[in-house]
Amino acid sequence: MESLLINRLTTLSHPQRMAVFRLLMRRCPDELPAGEIVEVLQIKASTASVYLAALTQAQLISQRRDGTRLLYTINLDAAREVVMGLFVDCCRGRADLCPPPFSDLLRGLSPIADRTFNVLFVCTGNSARSIFAETILRDLAGDRFTAYSAGTAHRSSLNPLAVDLLRSKGHDVSPLRSKNIEEFHGADAPQMDFVFTVCDHAANEDCPAWPGQPVSGHWGMPDPVKATGTDAQKRLAFHQTYGALRNRITAFTALSFENLSHAALQKHVDDISKITAT
């Protein structure tokens, strides 16, 4: 086991191999084609192939063929083994030697207490998908959740079709405004319990870690703002996005938070990402 740990740490010691690993970790449980990895990290395809082969050989990531494409995903078991190898074996099981809050993870987090949770939905523009999610959660379970949304882009505005759809569904749109994610990284910002990315671009970005180790999830879906065709086809794209998000948030709010550990809750959040509008 020690030689395997050293091999994996050696593989991760290369900055760009680590960048690939971190990207796949951020997109967990998604499978990414090699082409998207190349595009996001702005590296040559041949170079990416070498990095992916090394990470696969170290069992840090998994590879699957889908037709002519190779899809890659993080190997969570291996990632856990690296972390546990460092902090459990090297610290000899003494959680007090590990940096907080990791020592809490070694002991196992208790189920989340019965309280109001802060939830942030992140997208690139904060104009449609994240706005939908914020509004749906506020109206479905505003007594148990305080919903926020933000974009990673510095300039954005609410999409008129998104606002019109929310009005047509009976939602109050008066609290909505387009916000940048920096607003939620300040010293006075509310501490988040859950952070969800609802677009691939936002999930791909290497953002600062959130304080308090919130449960995070990637609920990516196509951007309805980019839909083409007739006005009816464009509106349909917004309806489908709204429907998928409503189904996911309905499933999320139905979870028994008081009975779930941090790890179990993370598993449910990952599973919810597969729910569609149908």
C-alpha atoms as a PDB file:
ATOM      1  CA  MET A   1       0.000   0.000   0.000  1.00  0.00           C
ATOM      2  CA  GLU A   2       2.840   2.385   0.810  1.00  0.00           C
ATOM      3  CA  SER A   3       4.368   2.005  -2.660  1.00  0.00           C
ATOM      4  CA  LEU A   4       0.967   2.626  -4.250  1.00  0.00           C
ATOM      5  CA  LEU A   5       0.528   5.799  -2.178  1.00  0.00           C
ATOM      6  CA  ILE A   6       3.996   7.034  -3.173  1.00  0.00           C
ATOM      7  CA  ASN A   7       3.241   6.291  -6.847  1.00  0.00           C
ATOM      8  CA  ARG A   8      -0.004   8.230  -6.686  1.00  0.00           C
ATOM      9  CA  LEU A   9       1.571  11.177  -4.906  1.00  0.00           C
ATOM     10  CA  THR A  10       4.348  11.202  -7.503  1.00  0.00           C
ATOM     11  CA  THR A  11       1.757  11.252 -10.274  1.00  0.00           C
ATOM     12  CA  LEU A  12      -0.059  14.165  -8.643  1.00  0.00           C
ATOM     13  CA  SER A  13       3.161  16.096  -8.044  1.00  0.00           C
ATOM     14  CA  HIS A  14       3.140  17.339 -11.645  1.00  0.00           C
ATOM     15  CA  PRO A  15       1.145  20.625 -11.771  1.00  0.00           C
ATOM     16  CA  GLN A  16      -0.744  19.836 -14.978  1.00  0.00           C
ATOM     17  CA  ARG A  17      -1.525  16.249 -13.997  1.00  0.00           C
ATOM     18  CA  MET A  18      -2.871  17.701 -10.765  1.00  0.00           C
ATOM     19  CA  ALA A  19      -4.916  20.187 -12.808  1.00  0.00           C
ATOM     20  CA  VAL A  20      -6.554  17.303 -14.703  1.00  0.00           C
ATOM     21  CA  PHE A  21      -7.232  15.489 -11.425  1.00  0.00           C
ATOM     22  CA  ARG A  22      -8.759  18.586  -9.835  1.00  0.00           C
ATOM     23  CA  LEU A  23     -10.954  19.256 -12.866  1.00  0.00           C
ATOM     24  CA  LEU A  24     -12.377  15.733 -12.766  1.00  0.00           C
ATOM     25  CA  MET A  25     -12.872  16.048  -9.020  1.00  0.00           C
ATOM     26  CA  ARG A  26     -14.822  19.284  -9.487  1.00  0.00           C
ATOM     27  CA  ARG A  27     -17.001  17.636 -12.124  1.00  0.00           C
ATOM     28  CA  CYS A  28     -17.632  14.460 -10.116  1.00  0.00           C
ATOM     29  CA  PRO A  29     -19.617  12.323 -10.855  1.00  0.00           C
ATOM     30  CA  ASP A  30     -19.574  13.464 -14.505  1.00  0.00           C
ATOM     31  CA  GLU A  31     -17.601  11.691 -17.212  1.00  0.00           C
ATOM     32  CA  LEU A  32     -15.619  14.154 -19.350  1.00  0.00           C
ATOM     33  CA  PRO A  33     -14.433  13.509 -22.901  1.00  0.00           C
ATOM     34  CA  ALA A  34     -10.756  14.141 -23.515  1.00  0.00           C
ATOM     35  CA  GLY A  35     -11.622  17.015 -25.853  1.00  0.00           C
ATOM     36  CA  GLU A  36     -13.395  18.936 -23.101  1.00  0.00           C
ATOM     37  CA  ILE A  37     -10.445  18.435 -20.754  1.00  0.00           C
ATOM     38  CA  VAL A  38      -8.135  19.811 -23.450  1.00  0.00           C
ATOM     39  CA  GLU A  39     -10.413  22.812 -24.001  1.00  0.00           C
ATOM     40  CA  VAL A  40     -10.884  23.666 -20.316  1.00  0.00           C
ATOM     41  CA  LEU A  41      -7.204  23.353 -19.371  1.00  0.00           C
ATOM     42  CA  GLN A  42      -5.944  24.768 -22.697  1.00  0.00           C
ATOM     43  CA  ILE A  43      -3.360  22.072 -23.289  1.00  0.00           C
ATOM     44  CA  LYS A  44      -2.429  20.115 -26.407  1.00  0.00           C
ATOM     45  CA  ALA A  45      -4.360  16.916 -27.092  1.00  0.00           C
ATOM     46  CA  SER A  46      -1.142  14.886 -27.203  1.00  0.00           C
ATOM     47  CA  THR A  47      -0.037  16.326 -23.862  1.00  0.00           C
ATOM     48  CA  ALA A  48      -3.408  15.629 -22.284  1.00  0.00           C
ATOM     49  CA  SER A  49      -3.216  12.042 -23.515  1.00  0.00           C
ATOM     50  CA  VAL A  50       0.056  11.533 -21.636  1.00  0.00           C
ATOM     51  CA  TYR A  51      -1.351  13.045 -18.423  1.00  0.00           C
ATOM     52  CA  LEU A  52      -4.559  11.015 -18.647  1.00  0.00           C
ATOM     53  CA  ALA A  53      -2.610   7.807 -19.231  1.00  0.00           C
ATOM     54  CA  ALA A  54      -0.456   8.442 -16.150  1.00  0.00           C
ATOM     55  CA  LEU A  55      -3.473   9.205 -13.952  1.00  0.00           C
ATOM     56  CA  THR A  56      -5.294   6.138 -15.267  1.00  0.00           C
ATOM     57  CA  GLN A  57      -2.280   3.909 -14.640  1.00  0.00           C
ATOM     58  CA  ALA A  58      -2.137   5.170 -11.052  1.00  0.00           C
ATOM     59  CA  GLN A  59      -5.863   4.334 -10.792  1.00  0.00           C
ATOM     60  CA  LEU A  60      -6.614   7.913  -9.771  1.00  0.00           C
ATOM     61  CA  ILE A  61      -9.082   8.261 -12.652  1.00  0.00           C
ATOM     62  CA  SER A  62     -11.137   5.808 -14.693  1.00  0.00           C
ATOM     63  CA  GLN A  63     -11.469   5.554 -18.467  1.00  0.00           C
ATOM     64  CA  ARG A  64     -14.446   4.322 -20.493  1.00  0.00           C
ATOM     65  CA  ARG A  65     -14.913   4.122 -24.252  1.00  0.00           C
ATOM     66  CA  ASP A  66     -18.149   5.500 -25.671  1.00  0.00           C
ATOM     67  CA  GLY A  67     -18.103   4.886 -29.417  1.00  0.00           C
ATOM     68  CA  THR A  68     -15.154   6.863 -30.740  1.00  0.00           C
ATOM     69  CA  ARG A  69     -14.748   8.888 -27.552  1.00  0.00           C
ATOM     70  CA  LEU A  70     -12.812   8.185 -24.383  1.00  0.00           C
ATOM     71  CA  LEU A  71     -14.583   9.391 -21.258  1.00  0.00           C
ATOM     72  CA  TYR A  72     -12.779  10.052 -17.988  1.00  0.00           C
ATOM     73  CA  THR A  73     -14.052  10.302 -14.428  1.00  0.00           C
ATOM     74  CA  ILE A  74     -12.500  10.584 -10.996  1.00  0.00           C
ATOM     75  CA  ASN A  75     -11.837   7.388  -9.029  1.00  0.00           C
ATOM     76  CA  LEU A  76     -13.203   8.421  -5.656  1.00  0.00           C
ATOM     77  CA  ASP A  77     -12.003   5.291  -3.896  1.00  0.00           C
ATOM     78  CA  ALA A  78      -8.421   6.025  -4.941  1.00  0.00           C
ATOM     79  CA  ALA A  79      -8.751   9.699  -3.974  1.00  0.00           C
ATOM     80  CA  ARG A  80      -9.967   8.685  -0.537  1.00  0.00           C
ATOM     81  CA  GLU A  81      -7.110   6.205  -0.189  1.00  0.00           C
ATOM     82  CA  VAL A  82      -4.577   8.973  -0.881  1.00  0.00           C
ATOM     83  CA  VAL A  83      -6.111  11.266   1.715  1.00  0.00           C
ATOM     84  CA  MET A  84      -6.560   8.544   4.290  1.00  0.00           C
ATOM     85  CA  GLY A  85      -3.052   7.266   3.636  1.00  0.00           C
ATOM     86  CA  LEU A  86      -1.651  10.690   4.452  1.00  0.00           C
ATOM     87  CA  PHE A  87      -3.765  11.642   7.421  1.00  0.00           C
ATOM     88  CA  VAL A  88      -4.821   8.351   8.972  1.00  0.00           C
ATOM     89  CA  ASP A  89      -1.751   6.200   8.484  1.00  0.00           C
ATOM     90  CA  CYS A  90       0.827   8.978   8.796  1.00  0.00           C
ATOM     91  CA  CYS A  91      -0.981  10.515  11.786  1.00  0.00           C
ATOM     92  CA  ARG A  92      -1.438   7.039  13.284  1.00  0.00           C
ATOM     93  CA  GLY A  93      -5.148   7.567  13.703  1.00  0.00           C
ATOM     94  CA  ARG A  94      -4.687  10.693  15.835  1.00  0.00           C
ATOM     95  CA  ALA A  95      -7.291  13.086  14.490  1.00  0.00           C
ATOM     96  CA  ASP A  96      -5.925  15.852  16.716  1.00  0.00           C
ATOM     97  CA  LEU A  97      -2.749  15.914  14.598  1.00  0.00           C
ATOM     98  CA  CYS A  98      -4.694  16.554  11.394  1.00  0.00           C
ATOM     99  CA  PRO A  99      -5.597  20.063  10.269  1.00  0.00           C
ATOM    100  CA  PRO A 100      -9.145  21.099  11.142  1.00  0.00           C
ATOM    101  CA  PRO A 101     -11.754  20.580   9.787  1.00  0.00           C
ATOM    102  CA  PHE A 102     -10.272  17.379   8.315  1.00  0.00           C
ATOM    103  CA  SER A 103     -10.126  15.860  11.786  1.00  0.00           C
ATOM    104  CA  ASP A 104     -13.924  16.056  11.826  1.00  0.00           C
ATOM    105  CA  LEU A 105     -14.076  14.042   8.615  1.00  0.00           C
ATOM    106  CA  LEU A 106     -11.882  11.332  10.126  1.00  0.00           C
ATOM    107  CA  ARG A 107     -14.261  10.959  13.039  1.00  0.00           C
ATOM    108  CA  GLY A 108     -17.236  11.033  10.679  1.00  0.00           C
ATOM    109  CA  LEU A 109     -19.571  13.992  10.539  1.00  0.00           C
ATOM    110  CA  SER A 110     -22.815  13.643  12.433  1.00  0.00           C
ATOM    111  CA  PRO A 111     -26.123  14.125  10.616  1.00  0.00           C
ATOM    112  CA  ILE A 112     -26.930  17.733   9.741  1.00  0.00           C
ATOM    113  CA  ALA A 113     -28.898  19.440  12.481  1.00  0.00           C
ATOM    114  CA  ASP A 114     -32.480  20.596  12.111  1.00  0.00           C
ATOM    115  CA  ARG A 115     -32.079  24.224  11.058  1.00  0.00           C
ATOM    116  CA  THR A 116     -32.395  26.597   8.136  1.00  0.00           C
ATOM    117  CA  PHE A 117     -29.810  25.891   5.432  1.00  0.00           C
ATOM    118  CA  ASN A 118     -28.072  28.367   3.138  1.00  0.00           C
ATOM    119  CA  VAL A 119     -27.988  27.168  -0.476  1.00  0.00           C
ATOM    120  CA  LEU A 120     -26.104  28.837  -3.333  1.00  0.00           C
ATOM    121  CA  PHE A 121     -26.657  28.056  -7.021  1.00  0.00           C
ATOM    122  CA  VAL A 122     -23.774  29.071  -9.270  1.00  0.00           C
ATOM    123  CA  CYS A 123     -23.723  29.550 -13.033  1.00  0.00           C
ATOM    124  CA  THR A 124     -21.666  31.595 -15.459  1.00  0.00           C
ATOM    125  CA  GLY A 125     -24.065  34.462 -16.028  1.00  0.00           C
ATOM    126  CA  ASN A 126     -26.651  34.255 -13.229  1.00  0.00           C
ATOM    127  CA  SER A 127     -29.269  35.047 -15.843  1.00  0.00           C
ATOM    128  CA  ALA A 128     -31.446  31.926 -16.207  1.00  0.00           C
ATOM    129  CA  ARG A 129     -30.516  28.520 -14.733  1.00  0.00           C
ATOM    130  CA  SER A 130     -29.260  29.713 -11.358  1.00  0.00           C
ATOM    131  CA  ILE A 131     -32.085  32.254 -11.173  1.00  0.00           C
ATOM    132  CA  PHE A 132     -34.597  29.446 -11.798  1.00  0.00           C
ATOM    133  CA  ALA A 133     -33.034  27.342  -9.043  1.00  0.00           C
ATOM    134  CA  GLU A 134     -32.961  30.173  -6.505  1.00  0.00           C
ATOM    135  CA  THR A 135     -36.610  31.016  -7.135  1.00  0.00           C
ATOM    136  CA  ILE A 136     -37.860  27.426  -7.139  1.00  0.00           C
ATOM    137  CA  LEU A 137     -36.149  26.568  -3.852  1.00  0.00           C
ATOM    138  CA  ARG A 138     -37.351  29.782  -2.207  1.00  0.00           C
ATOM    139  CA  ASP A 139     -40.949  29.078  -3.185  1.00  0.00           C
ATOM    140  CA  LEU A 140     -40.910  25.318  -2.536  1.00  0.00           C
ATOM    141  CA  ALA A 141     -39.225  25.358   0.866  1.00  0.00           C
ATOM    142  CA  GLY A 142     -38.372  28.894   1.915  1.00  0.00           C
ATOM    143  CA  ASP A 143     -39.118  28.010   5.534  1.00  0.00           C
ATOM    144  CA  ARG A 144     -36.212  25.523   5.608  1.00  0.00           C
ATOM    145  CA  PHE A 145     -33.782  26.979   3.062  1.00  0.00           C
ATOM    146  CA  THR A 146     -32.397  30.418   2.311  1.00  0.00           C
ATOM    147  CA  ALA A 147     -31.731  30.390  -1.414  1.00  0.00           C
ATOM    148  CA  TYR A 148     -29.087  32.430  -3.221  1.00  0.00           C
ATOM    149  CA  SER A 149     -27.660  32.483  -6.736  1.00  0.00           C
ATOM    150  CA  ALA A 150     -24.609  34.029  -8.364  1.00  0.00           C
ATOM    151  CA  GLY A 151     -22.597  34.067 -11.571  1.00  0.00           C
ATOM    152  CA  THR A 152     -18.894  33.747 -12.217  1.00  0.00           C
ATOM    153  CA  ALA A 153     -19.002  36.337 -15.018  1.00  0.00           C
ATOM    154  CA  HIS A 154     -18.433  39.930 -13.938  1.00  0.00           C
ATOM    155  CA  ARG A 155     -21.160  41.376 -16.118  1.00  0.00           C
ATOM    156  CA  SER A 156     -24.568  39.818 -16.506  1.00  0.00           C
ATOM    157  CA  SER A 157     -28.280  40.590 -16.351  1.00  0.00           C
ATOM    158  CA  LEU A 158     -31.488  38.654 -15.872  1.00  0.00           C
ATOM    159  CA  ASN A 159     -32.692  37.030 -19.072  1.00  0.00           C
ATOM    160  CA  PRO A 160     -36.155  38.399 -20.025  1.00  0.00           C
ATOM    161  CA  LEU A 161     -37.438  34.989 -21.170  1.00  0.00           C
ATOM    162  CA  ALA A 162     -36.376  33.440 -17.853  1.00  0.00           C
ATOM    163  CA  VAL A 163     -38.130  36.178 -15.868  1.00  0.00           C
ATOM    164  CA  ASP A 164     -41.289  35.883 -17.997  1.00  0.00           C
ATOM    165  CA  LEU A 165     -41.372  32.106 -17.466  1.00  0.00           C
ATOM    166  CA  LEU A 166     -41.042  32.490 -13.708  1.00  0.00           C
ATOM    167  CA  ARG A 167     -43.916  34.997 -13.704  1.00  0.00           C
ATOM    168  CA  SER A 168     -46.049  32.623 -15.759  1.00  0.00           C
ATOM    169  CA  LYS A 169     -45.436  29.904 -13.153  1.00  0.00           C
ATOM    170  CA  GLY A 170     -46.687  32.209 -10.406  1.00  0.00           C
ATOM    171  CA  HIS A 171     -43.311  33.038  -8.861  1.00  0.00           C
ATOM    172  CA  ASP A 172     -42.517  36.383  -7.270  1.00  0.00           C
ATOM    173  CA  VAL A 173     -39.607  37.792  -9.266  1.00  0.00           C
ATOM    174  CA  SER A 174     -39.212  41.021  -7.281  1.00  0.00           C
ATOM    175  CA  PRO A 175     -36.317  39.667  -5.107  1.00  0.00           C
ATOM    176  CA  LEU A 176     -34.264  38.674  -8.152  1.00  0.00           C
ATOM    177  CA  ARG A 177     -31.125  40.459  -9.295  1.00  0.00           C
ATOM    178  CA  SER A 178     -28.010  39.323 -11.121  1.00  0.00           C
ATOM    179  CA  LYS A 179     -25.109  38.833  -8.690  1.00  0.00           C
ATOM    180  CA  ASN A 180     -21.419  37.974  -8.941  1.00  0.00           C
ATOM    181  CA  ILE A 181     -19.945  35.119  -6.936  1.00  0.00           C
ATOM    182  CA  GLU A 182     -17.466  37.494  -5.254  1.00  0.00           C
ATOM    183  CA  GLU A 183     -20.401  38.803  -3.241  1.00  0.00           C
ATOM    184  CA  PHE A 184     -20.471  35.476  -1.402  1.00  0.00           C
ATOM    185  CA  HIS A 185     -16.755  35.261  -0.648  1.00  0.00           C
ATOM    186  CA  GLY A 186     -16.570  38.340   1.552  1.00  0.00           C
ATOM    187  CA  ALA A 187     -16.101  38.322   5.309  1.00  0.00           C
ATOM    188  CA  ASP A 188     -19.730  39.298   5.873  1.00  0.00           C
ATOM    189  CA  ALA A 189     -21.163  36.770   3.410  1.00  0.00           C
ATOM    190  CA  PRO A 190     -23.466  34.042   4.748  1.00  0.00           C
ATOM    191  CA  GLN A 191     -21.775  30.669   5.228  1.00  0.00           C
ATOM    192  CA  MET A 192     -23.135  28.147   2.777  1.00  0.00           C
ATOM    193  CA  ASP A 193     -24.371  24.670   3.678  1.00  0.00           C
ATOM    194  CA  PHE A 194     -24.834  23.659   0.033  1.00  0.00           C
ATOM    195  CA  VAL A 195     -23.259  24.957  -3.187  1.00  0.00           C
ATOM    196  CA  PHE A 196     -24.554  23.715  -6.532  1.00  0.00           C
ATOM    197  CA  THR A 197     -23.153  24.537  -9.957  1.00  0.00           C
ATOM    198  CA  VAL A 198     -25.827  24.395 -12.652  1.00  0.00           C
ATOM    199  CA  CYS A 199     -23.604  24.853 -15.703  1.00  0.00           C
ATOM    200  CA  ASP A 200     -20.461  23.017 -16.814  1.00  0.00           C
ATOM    201  CA  HIS A 201     -18.448  26.192 -17.325  1.00  0.00           C
ATOM    202  CA  ALA A 202     -18.897  27.290 -13.706  1.00  0.00           C
ATOM    203  CA  ALA A 203     -18.089  23.780 -12.468  1.00  0.00           C
ATOM    204  CA  ASN A 204     -14.886  23.737 -14.523  1.00  0.00           C
ATOM    205  CA  GLU A 205     -13.552  26.905 -12.911  1.00  0.00           C
ATOM    206  CA  ASP A 206     -10.965  26.550 -10.166  1.00  0.00           C
ATOM    207  CA  CYS A 207     -12.675  28.706  -7.541  1.00  0.00           C
ATOM    208  CA  PRO A 208     -11.556  29.292  -3.935  1.00  0.00           C
ATOM    209  CA  ALA A 209     -12.696  26.693  -1.428  1.00  0.00           C
ATOM    210  CA  TRP A 210     -15.868  27.547   0.442  1.00  0.00           C
ATOM    211  CA  PRO A 211     -15.509  27.970   4.215  1.00  0.00           C
ATOM    212  CA  GLY A 212     -17.257  25.417   6.388  1.00  0.00           C
ATOM    213  CA  GLN A 213     -16.986  22.571   3.861  1.00  0.00           C
ATOM    214  CA  PRO A 214     -20.504  22.832   2.380  1.00  0.00           C
ATOM    215  CA  VAL A 215     -21.960  19.874   0.521  1.00  0.00           C
ATOM    216  CA  SER A 216     -21.366  20.617  -3.156  1.00  0.00           C
ATOM    217  CA  GLY A 217     -22.948  19.220  -6.268  1.00  0.00           C
ATOM    218  CA  HIS A 218     -22.893  19.695 -10.016  1.00  0.00           C
ATOM    219  CA  TRP A 219     -26.365  19.835 -11.557  1.00  0.00           C
ATOM    220  CA  GLY A 220     -25.250  20.945 -15.007  1.00  0.00           C
ATOM    221  CA  MET A 221     -27.620  21.314 -17.936  1.00  0.00           C
ATOM    222  CA  PRO A 222     -27.636  23.056 -21.323  1.00  0.00           C
ATOM    223  CA  ASP A 223     -27.974  26.827 -21.330  1.00  0.00           C
ATOM    224  CA  PRO A 224     -31.473  27.750 -22.587  1.00  0.00           C
ATOM    225  CA  VAL A 225     -30.193  31.222 -23.440  1.00  0.00           C
ATOM    226  CA  LYS A 226     -28.181  29.645 -26.267  1.00  0.00           C
ATOM    227  CA  ALA A 227     -31.189  27.844 -27.760  1.00  0.00           C
ATOM    228  CA  THR A 228     -31.793  28.522 -31.446  1.00  0.00           C
ATOM    229  CA  GLY A 229     -34.777  28.167 -33.746  1.00  0.00           C
ATOM    230  CA  THR A 230     -38.235  29.658 -33.560  1.00  0.00           C
ATOM    231  CA  ASP A 231     -39.527  31.612 -30.576  1.00  0.00           C
ATOM    232  CA  ALA A 232     -41.541  28.535 -29.574  1.00  0.00           C
ATOM    233  CA  GLN A 233     -38.424  26.346 -29.652  1.00  0.00           C
ATOM    234  CA  LYS A 234     -36.522  28.859 -27.545  1.00  0.00           C
ATOM    235  CA  ARG A 235     -39.319  29.003 -24.978  1.00  0.00           C
ATOM    236  CA  LEU A 236     -39.391  25.198 -24.900  1.00  0.00           C
ATOM    237  CA  ALA A 237     -35.708  25.155 -23.933  1.00  0.00           C
ATOM    238  CA  PHE A 238     -36.463  27.419 -20.973  1.00  0.00           C
ATOM    239  CA  HIS A 239     -39.419  25.251 -19.940  1.00  0.00           C
ATOM    240  CA  GLN A 240     -37.279  22.095 -20.060  1.00  0.00           C
ATOM    241  CA  THR A 241     -34.560  23.702 -17.938  1.00  0.00           C
ATOM    242  CA  TYR A 242     -37.114  24.929 -15.434  1.00  0.00           C
ATOM    243  CA  GLY A 243     -38.736  21.479 -15.280  1.00  0.00           C
ATOM    244  CA  ALA A 244     -35.463  19.633 -14.703  1.00  0.00           C
ATOM    245  CA  LEU A 245     -34.414  22.027 -11.954  1.00  0.00           C
ATOM    246  CA  ARG A 246     -37.801  21.848 -10.269  1.00  0.00           C
ATOM    247  CA  ASN A 247     -37.647  18.033 -10.258  1.00  0.00           C
ATOM    248  CA  ARG A 248     -34.128  18.059  -8.792  1.00  0.00           C
ATOM    249  CA  ILE A 249     -34.954  20.628  -6.139  1.00  0.00           C
ATOM    250  CA  THR A 250     -38.143  18.774  -5.212  1.00  0.00           C
ATOM    251  CA  ALA A 251     -36.068  15.623  -4.667  1.00  0.00           C
ATOM    252  CA  PHE A 252     -33.491  17.612  -2.704  1.00  0.00           C
ATOM    253  CA  THR A 253     -36.023  19.173  -0.339  1.00  0.00           C
ATOM    254  CA  ALA A 254     -37.585  15.727   0.289  1.00  0.00           C
ATOM    255  CA  LEU A 255     -34.349  14.361   1.826  1.00  0.00           C
ATOM    256  CA  SER A 256     -34.323  13.524   5.545  1.00  0.00           C
ATOM    257  CA  PHE A 257     -31.480  15.855   6.455  1.00  0.00           C
ATOM    258  CA  GLU A 258     -31.642  15.062  10.152  1.00  0.00           C
ATOM    259  CA  ASN A 259     -31.035  11.350   9.454  1.00  0.00           C
ATOM    260  CA  LEU A 260     -28.258  11.632   6.862  1.00  0.00           C
ATOM    261  CA  SER A 261     -24.540  11.827   7.452  1.00  0.00           C
ATOM    262  CA  HIS A 262     -22.441  14.264   5.440  1.00  0.00           C
ATOM    263  CA  ALA A 263     -21.250  11.407   3.181  1.00  0.00           C
ATOM    264  CA  ALA A 264     -24.747  10.010   2.649  1.00  0.00           C
ATOM    265  CA  LEU A 265     -26.092  13.455   1.848  1.00  0.00           C
ATOM    266  CA  GLN A 266     -23.317  13.960  -0.724  1.00  0.00           C
ATOM    267  CA  LYS A 267     -24.295  10.662  -2.386  1.00  0.00           C
ATOM    268  CA  HIS A 268     -27.937  11.777  -2.643  1.00  0.00           C
ATOM    269  CA  VAL A 269     -26.895  15.137  -4.094  1.00  0.00           C
ATOM    270  CA  ASP A 270     -24.818  13.365  -6.763  1.00  0.00           C
ATOM    271  CA  ASP A 271     -27.721  11.040  -7.607  1.00  0.00           C
ATOM    272  CA  ILE A 272     -30.131  13.962  -7.946  1.00  0.00           C
ATOM    273  CA  SER A 273     -27.928  15.385 -10.712  1.00  0.00           C
ATOM    274  CA  LYS A 274     -29.240  12.623 -13.006  1.00  0.00           C
ATOM    275  CA  ILE A 275     -32.911  13.697 -12.698  1.00  0.00           C
ATOM    276  CA  THR A 276     -34.320  15.293 -15.853  1.00  0.00           C
ATOM    277  CA  ALA A 277     -37.493  17.194 -16.751  1.00  0.00           C
ATOM    278  CA  THR A 278     -39.356  14.058 -17.837  1.00  0.00           C
END
